[in-house]
Amino acid sequence: MTHQRKLIRDAVVALLLASPATAAGTRVFPNRVIPVQHREFPAIAVYTLREETKPYSDSPRVLKRTLELGITILEAPTDQDPVDDLIDLISEQVEAKLRVDRTLGGACQDVLYSGFDAAFDHGGRELTGGGRLRYQVIYESEEPEGDLDPSPFLQAHTDFDLAPPDVASEASDDVTLPQS
């Protein structure tokens, strides 16, 4: 069974690839590792940062989950445009696409923009700029059942303390279920 986090990442990638495409074109990846060379910028990576879970109901056990989703935009500066301007342009394109479908096609209950972090990489031959958009993605899931195979319920014994209560058993009953 596919985890809901993967379904959410895949839905965001599909939304970003849908027409009209962002300036990153088809260079949108559903993980934090971007397999591109410098000449293939801009590129976008969609990945999960962390997730918090709280019980929502007990029967069945439903968990309310808040997933922090990161969308990193990588760009190289050009002679015409500073890297910050290019990242801001793609950020606005990403934000606009995520405002269109706040449930990601039913993969979640809501998507909320929560912030932006800028970063620059000085490690290569040329300066590369990056920016990470952060989103809170709200969804629910049923807690999975344990892998244990419980023993079948075959019989029961019950003692009854009739009125007035005196902790003495005035009646009892044994129930044996039919075997198949």
C-alpha atoms as a PDB file:
ATOM      1  CA  MET A   1       0.000   0.000   0.000  1.00  0.00           C
ATOM      2  CA  THR A   2       1.325   3.440  -0.928  1.00  0.00           C
ATOM      3  CA  HIS A   3       1.849   5.832   1.991  1.00  0.00           C
ATOM      4  CA  GLN A   4      -0.244   8.993   1.978  1.00  0.00           C
ATOM      5  CA  ARG A   5       2.914  11.155   2.086  1.00  0.00           C
ATOM      6  CA  LYS A   6       3.982   9.747  -1.303  1.00  0.00           C
ATOM      7  CA  LEU A   7       0.506  10.361  -2.727  1.00  0.00           C
ATOM      8  CA  ILE A   8       0.707  13.972  -1.523  1.00  0.00           C
ATOM      9  CA  ARG A   9       4.179  14.531  -3.034  1.00  0.00           C
ATOM     10  CA  ASP A  10       3.078  12.949  -6.324  1.00  0.00           C
ATOM     11  CA  ALA A  11      -0.044  15.131  -6.410  1.00  0.00           C
ATOM     12  CA  VAL A  12       2.032  18.292  -5.910  1.00  0.00           C
ATOM     13  CA  VAL A  13       4.472  17.239  -8.651  1.00  0.00           C
ATOM     14  CA  ALA A  14       1.565  16.544 -11.043  1.00  0.00           C
ATOM     15  CA  LEU A  15       0.055  19.940 -10.238  1.00  0.00           C
ATOM     16  CA  LEU A  16       3.368  21.710 -10.892  1.00  0.00           C
ATOM     17  CA  LEU A  17       3.850  19.846 -14.184  1.00  0.00           C
ATOM     18  CA  ALA A  18       0.309  20.592 -15.397  1.00  0.00           C
ATOM     19  CA  SER A  19      -0.160  23.231 -18.066  1.00  0.00           C
ATOM     20  CA  PRO A  20       0.690  26.029 -17.819  1.00  0.00           C
ATOM     21  CA  ALA A  21       4.035  24.807 -16.513  1.00  0.00           C
ATOM     22  CA  THR A  22       6.254  26.770 -14.166  1.00  0.00           C
ATOM     23  CA  ALA A  23       9.550  28.201 -15.438  1.00  0.00           C
ATOM     24  CA  ALA A  24      11.129  24.908 -14.297  1.00  0.00           C
ATOM     25  CA  GLY A  25       9.229  23.087 -17.049  1.00  0.00           C
ATOM     26  CA  THR A  26       9.547  19.319 -16.636  1.00  0.00           C
ATOM     27  CA  ARG A  27      12.384  19.570 -14.090  1.00  0.00           C
ATOM     28  CA  VAL A  28      10.101  18.875 -11.109  1.00  0.00           C
ATOM     29  CA  PHE A  29      11.126  15.940  -8.914  1.00  0.00           C
ATOM     30  CA  PRO A  30       9.255  14.105  -6.091  1.00  0.00           C
ATOM     31  CA  ASN A  31      12.271  13.940  -3.771  1.00  0.00           C
ATOM     32  CA  ARG A  32      14.963  16.150  -2.279  1.00  0.00           C
ATOM     33  CA  VAL A  33      17.670  14.906  -4.682  1.00  0.00           C
ATOM     34  CA  ILE A  34      17.633  16.748  -8.000  1.00  0.00           C
ATOM     35  CA  PRO A  35      19.518  14.905 -10.760  1.00  0.00           C
ATOM     36  CA  VAL A  36      20.489  17.926 -12.847  1.00  0.00           C
ATOM     37  CA  GLN A  37      23.600  19.710 -13.985  1.00  0.00           C
ATOM     38  CA  HIS A  38      24.050  23.476 -13.858  1.00  0.00           C
ATOM     39  CA  ARG A  39      22.780  23.935 -17.420  1.00  0.00           C
ATOM     40  CA  GLU A  40      19.444  22.344 -16.489  1.00  0.00           C
ATOM     41  CA  PHE A  41      18.266  24.990 -14.029  1.00  0.00           C
ATOM     42  CA  PRO A  42      15.747  25.989 -12.863  1.00  0.00           C
ATOM     43  CA  ALA A  43      14.570  22.847 -11.096  1.00  0.00           C
ATOM     44  CA  ILE A  44      12.075  22.067  -8.331  1.00  0.00           C
ATOM     45  CA  ALA A  45      12.212  19.350  -5.663  1.00  0.00           C
ATOM     46  CA  VAL A  46       9.117  18.333  -3.668  1.00  0.00           C
ATOM     47  CA  TYR A  47       9.739  16.457  -0.410  1.00  0.00           C
ATOM     48  CA  THR A  48       8.546  15.953   3.141  1.00  0.00           C
ATOM     49  CA  LEU A  49      10.329  17.692   6.008  1.00  0.00           C
ATOM     50  CA  ARG A  50       8.493  16.287   9.014  1.00  0.00           C
ATOM     51  CA  GLU A  51       5.094  15.226  10.221  1.00  0.00           C
ATOM     52  CA  GLU A  52       3.189  15.526  13.488  1.00  0.00           C
ATOM     53  CA  THR A  53       0.349  13.214  14.403  1.00  0.00           C
ATOM     54  CA  LYS A  54      -2.435  13.517  16.971  1.00  0.00           C
ATOM     55  CA  PRO A  55      -5.314  11.128  17.714  1.00  0.00           C
ATOM     56  CA  TYR A  56      -8.549  12.477  16.232  1.00  0.00           C
ATOM     57  CA  SER A  57     -11.043   9.733  17.138  1.00  0.00           C
ATOM     58  CA  ASP A  58     -10.895   6.345  18.818  1.00  0.00           C
ATOM     59  CA  SER A  59     -13.347   4.101  17.035  1.00  0.00           C
ATOM     60  CA  PRO A  60     -11.955   3.491  14.513  1.00  0.00           C
ATOM     61  CA  ARG A  61      -8.658   5.066  15.545  1.00  0.00           C
ATOM     62  CA  VAL A  62      -8.166   8.061  13.227  1.00  0.00           C
ATOM     63  CA  LEU A  63      -4.999  10.138  13.259  1.00  0.00           C
ATOM     64  CA  LYS A  64      -4.957  13.820  12.292  1.00  0.00           C
ATOM     65  CA  ARG A  65      -1.655  14.466  10.552  1.00  0.00           C
ATOM     66  CA  THR A  66       0.137  17.722   9.797  1.00  0.00           C
ATOM     67  CA  LEU A  67       2.823  17.195   7.193  1.00  0.00           C
ATOM     68  CA  GLU A  68       5.415  19.879   6.556  1.00  0.00           C
ATOM     69  CA  LEU A  69       6.112  19.814   2.831  1.00  0.00           C
ATOM     70  CA  GLY A  70       9.193  21.432   1.323  1.00  0.00           C
ATOM     71  CA  ILE A  71       9.314  22.680  -2.238  1.00  0.00           C
ATOM     72  CA  THR A  72      12.857  23.738  -3.130  1.00  0.00           C
ATOM     73  CA  ILE A  73      13.553  25.857  -6.182  1.00  0.00           C
ATOM     74  CA  LEU A  74      17.111  25.858  -7.535  1.00  0.00           C
ATOM     75  CA  GLU A  75      18.250  28.473 -10.015  1.00  0.00           C
ATOM     76  CA  ALA A  76      21.485  29.851 -11.443  1.00  0.00           C
ATOM     77  CA  PRO A  77      21.889  33.592 -11.965  1.00  0.00           C
ATOM     78  CA  THR A  78      21.905  35.009 -15.471  1.00  0.00           C
ATOM     79  CA  ASP A  79      23.402  38.186 -16.856  1.00  0.00           C
ATOM     80  CA  GLN A  80      19.920  39.662 -17.164  1.00  0.00           C
ATOM     81  CA  ASP A  81      18.265  38.612 -13.889  1.00  0.00           C
ATOM     82  CA  PRO A  82      19.517  38.323 -10.306  1.00  0.00           C
ATOM     83  CA  VAL A  83      18.922  34.847  -8.833  1.00  0.00           C
ATOM     84  CA  ASP A  84      16.547  36.206  -6.174  1.00  0.00           C
ATOM     85  CA  ASP A  85      14.262  37.614  -8.864  1.00  0.00           C
ATOM     86  CA  LEU A  86      14.224  34.278 -10.717  1.00  0.00           C
ATOM     87  CA  ILE A  87      13.438  32.340  -7.516  1.00  0.00           C
ATOM     88  CA  ASP A  88      10.664  34.796  -6.617  1.00  0.00           C
ATOM     89  CA  LEU A  89       9.139  34.378 -10.078  1.00  0.00           C
ATOM     90  CA  ILE A  90       9.016  30.572  -9.778  1.00  0.00           C
ATOM     91  CA  SER A  91       7.847  30.813  -6.150  1.00  0.00           C
ATOM     92  CA  GLU A  92       4.848  32.863  -7.248  1.00  0.00           C
ATOM     93  CA  GLN A  93       4.076  30.311  -9.988  1.00  0.00           C
ATOM     94  CA  VAL A  94       4.218  27.445  -7.452  1.00  0.00           C
ATOM     95  CA  GLU A  95       2.086  29.321  -4.910  1.00  0.00           C
ATOM     96  CA  ALA A  96      -0.530  30.153  -7.560  1.00  0.00           C
ATOM     97  CA  LYS A  97      -0.791  26.493  -8.614  1.00  0.00           C
ATOM     98  CA  LEU A  98      -1.200  25.297  -5.019  1.00  0.00           C
ATOM     99  CA  ARG A  99      -3.948  27.886  -4.391  1.00  0.00           C
ATOM    100  CA  VAL A 100      -5.988  26.338  -7.235  1.00  0.00           C
ATOM    101  CA  ASP A 101      -6.368  22.886  -5.608  1.00  0.00           C
ATOM    102  CA  ARG A 102      -6.108  23.015  -1.817  1.00  0.00           C
ATOM    103  CA  THR A 103      -6.988  19.302  -1.433  1.00  0.00           C
ATOM    104  CA  LEU A 104      -4.524  18.093  -4.073  1.00  0.00           C
ATOM    105  CA  GLY A 105      -7.206  16.146  -5.880  1.00  0.00           C
ATOM    106  CA  GLY A 106      -8.495  14.617  -2.625  1.00  0.00           C
ATOM    107  CA  ALA A 107      -5.072  13.512  -1.311  1.00  0.00           C
ATOM    108  CA  CYS A 108      -5.469  15.779   1.744  1.00  0.00           C
ATOM    109  CA  GLN A 109      -7.924  18.061   3.528  1.00  0.00           C
ATOM    110  CA  ASP A 110      -6.007  21.329   3.152  1.00  0.00           C
ATOM    111  CA  VAL A 111      -2.711  22.888   2.066  1.00  0.00           C
ATOM    112  CA  LEU A 112      -1.533  26.001   3.913  1.00  0.00           C
ATOM    113  CA  TYR A 113       1.463  28.145   2.950  1.00  0.00           C
ATOM    114  CA  SER A 114       3.711  28.529   6.010  1.00  0.00           C
ATOM    115  CA  GLY A 115       6.891  30.272   4.876  1.00  0.00           C
ATOM    116  CA  PHE A 116       9.971  30.671   2.700  1.00  0.00           C
ATOM    117  CA  ASP A 117      13.691  30.089   3.350  1.00  0.00           C
ATOM    118  CA  ALA A 118      16.418  31.371   1.015  1.00  0.00           C
ATOM    119  CA  ALA A 119      19.708  29.540   0.478  1.00  0.00           C
ATOM    120  CA  PHE A 120      22.757  29.865  -1.718  1.00  0.00           C
ATOM    121  CA  ASP A 121      25.350  27.274  -2.700  1.00  0.00           C
ATOM    122  CA  HIS A 122      28.924  28.515  -2.996  1.00  0.00           C
ATOM    123  CA  GLY A 123      30.364  24.980  -3.283  1.00  0.00           C
ATOM    124  CA  GLY A 124      30.504  24.674  -7.068  1.00  0.00           C
ATOM    125  CA  ARG A 125      32.277  26.649  -9.765  1.00  0.00           C
ATOM    126  CA  GLU A 126      29.335  29.013 -10.005  1.00  0.00           C
ATOM    127  CA  LEU A 127      26.932  30.445  -7.489  1.00  0.00           C
ATOM    128  CA  THR A 128      23.581  28.658  -7.326  1.00  0.00           C
ATOM    129  CA  GLY A 129      20.602  30.109  -5.548  1.00  0.00           C
ATOM    130  CA  GLY A 130      17.775  28.294  -3.917  1.00  0.00           C
ATOM    131  CA  GLY A 131      14.604  28.924  -2.046  1.00  0.00           C
ATOM    132  CA  ARG A 132      12.382  26.575  -0.083  1.00  0.00           C
ATOM    133  CA  LEU A 133       8.656  27.111   0.175  1.00  0.00           C
ATOM    134  CA  ARG A 134       7.123  25.432   3.239  1.00  0.00           C
ATOM    135  CA  TYR A 135       3.547  24.178   3.357  1.00  0.00           C
ATOM    136  CA  GLN A 136       1.470  22.538   6.074  1.00  0.00           C
ATOM    137  CA  VAL A 137      -0.557  19.698   4.562  1.00  0.00           C
ATOM    138  CA  ILE A 138      -3.432  18.465   6.728  1.00  0.00           C
ATOM    139  CA  TYR A 139      -4.827  14.962   6.280  1.00  0.00           C
ATOM    140  CA  GLU A 140      -6.318  12.105   8.276  1.00  0.00           C
ATOM    141  CA  SER A 141      -5.584   8.414   8.260  1.00  0.00           C
ATOM    142  CA  GLU A 142      -6.864   5.389  10.099  1.00  0.00           C
ATOM    143  CA  GLU A 143      -4.279   3.833  12.340  1.00  0.00           C
ATOM    144  CA  PRO A 144      -3.350   0.485  10.826  1.00  0.00           C
ATOM    145  CA  GLU A 145      -4.528  -2.653  12.551  1.00  0.00           C
ATOM    146  CA  GLY A 146      -1.893  -4.770  14.231  1.00  0.00           C
ATOM    147  CA  ASP A 147      -0.464  -7.727  12.409  1.00  0.00           C
ATOM    148  CA  LEU A 148      -1.610 -10.076  15.156  1.00  0.00           C
ATOM    149  CA  ASP A 149      -4.274 -12.611  14.329  1.00  0.00           C
ATOM    150  CA  PRO A 150      -6.430 -12.610  17.461  1.00  0.00           C
ATOM    151  CA  SER A 151      -7.759 -15.882  18.747  1.00  0.00           C
ATOM    152  CA  PRO A 152     -11.354 -16.480  17.771  1.00  0.00           C
ATOM    153  CA  PHE A 153     -13.995 -15.744  20.412  1.00  0.00           C
ATOM    154  CA  LEU A 154     -15.312 -19.204  21.297  1.00  0.00           C
ATOM    155  CA  GLN A 155     -16.863 -18.969  24.762  1.00  0.00           C
ATOM    156  CA  ALA A 156     -17.635 -16.599  27.623  1.00  0.00           C
ATOM    157  CA  HIS A 157     -18.519 -16.847  31.318  1.00  0.00           C
ATOM    158  CA  THR A 158     -20.409 -14.002  33.055  1.00  0.00           C
ATOM    159  CA  ASP A 159     -21.340 -13.562  36.751  1.00  0.00           C
ATOM    160  CA  PHE A 160     -24.247 -11.294  37.741  1.00  0.00           C
ATOM    161  CA  ASP A 161     -24.627  -9.376  41.012  1.00  0.00           C
ATOM    162  CA  LEU A 162     -28.360  -8.651  41.267  1.00  0.00           C
ATOM    163  CA  ALA A 163     -29.941  -5.811  43.316  1.00  0.00           C
ATOM    164  CA  PRO A 164     -29.181  -4.806  45.989  1.00  0.00           C
ATOM    165  CA  PRO A 165     -25.464  -4.883  45.137  1.00  0.00           C
ATOM    166  CA  ASP A 166     -23.605  -7.008  47.662  1.00  0.00           C
ATOM    167  CA  VAL A 167     -20.619  -8.324  45.637  1.00  0.00           C
ATOM    168  CA  ALA A 168     -22.089 -11.822  45.736  1.00  0.00           C
ATOM    169  CA  SER A 169     -22.830 -13.605  42.483  1.00  0.00           C
ATOM    170  CA  GLU A 170     -26.537 -14.477  42.309  1.00  0.00           C
ATOM    171  CA  ALA A 171     -26.478 -15.737  38.721  1.00  0.00           C
ATOM    172  CA  SER A 172     -24.006 -16.842  36.099  1.00  0.00           C
ATOM    173  CA  ASP A 173     -24.105 -17.714  32.446  1.00  0.00           C
ATOM    174  CA  ASP A 174     -21.814 -19.677  30.140  1.00  0.00           C
ATOM    175  CA  VAL A 175     -21.995 -19.091  26.400  1.00  0.00           C
ATOM    176  CA  THR A 176     -20.286 -21.367  23.886  1.00  0.00           C
ATOM    177  CA  LEU A 177     -20.352 -20.307  20.260  1.00  0.00           C
ATOM    178  CA  PRO A 178     -20.784 -22.871  17.496  1.00  0.00           C
ATOM    179  CA  GLN A 179     -17.581 -24.094  15.887  1.00  0.00           C
ATOM    180  CA  SER A 180     -17.313 -24.103  12.107  1.00  0.00           C
END
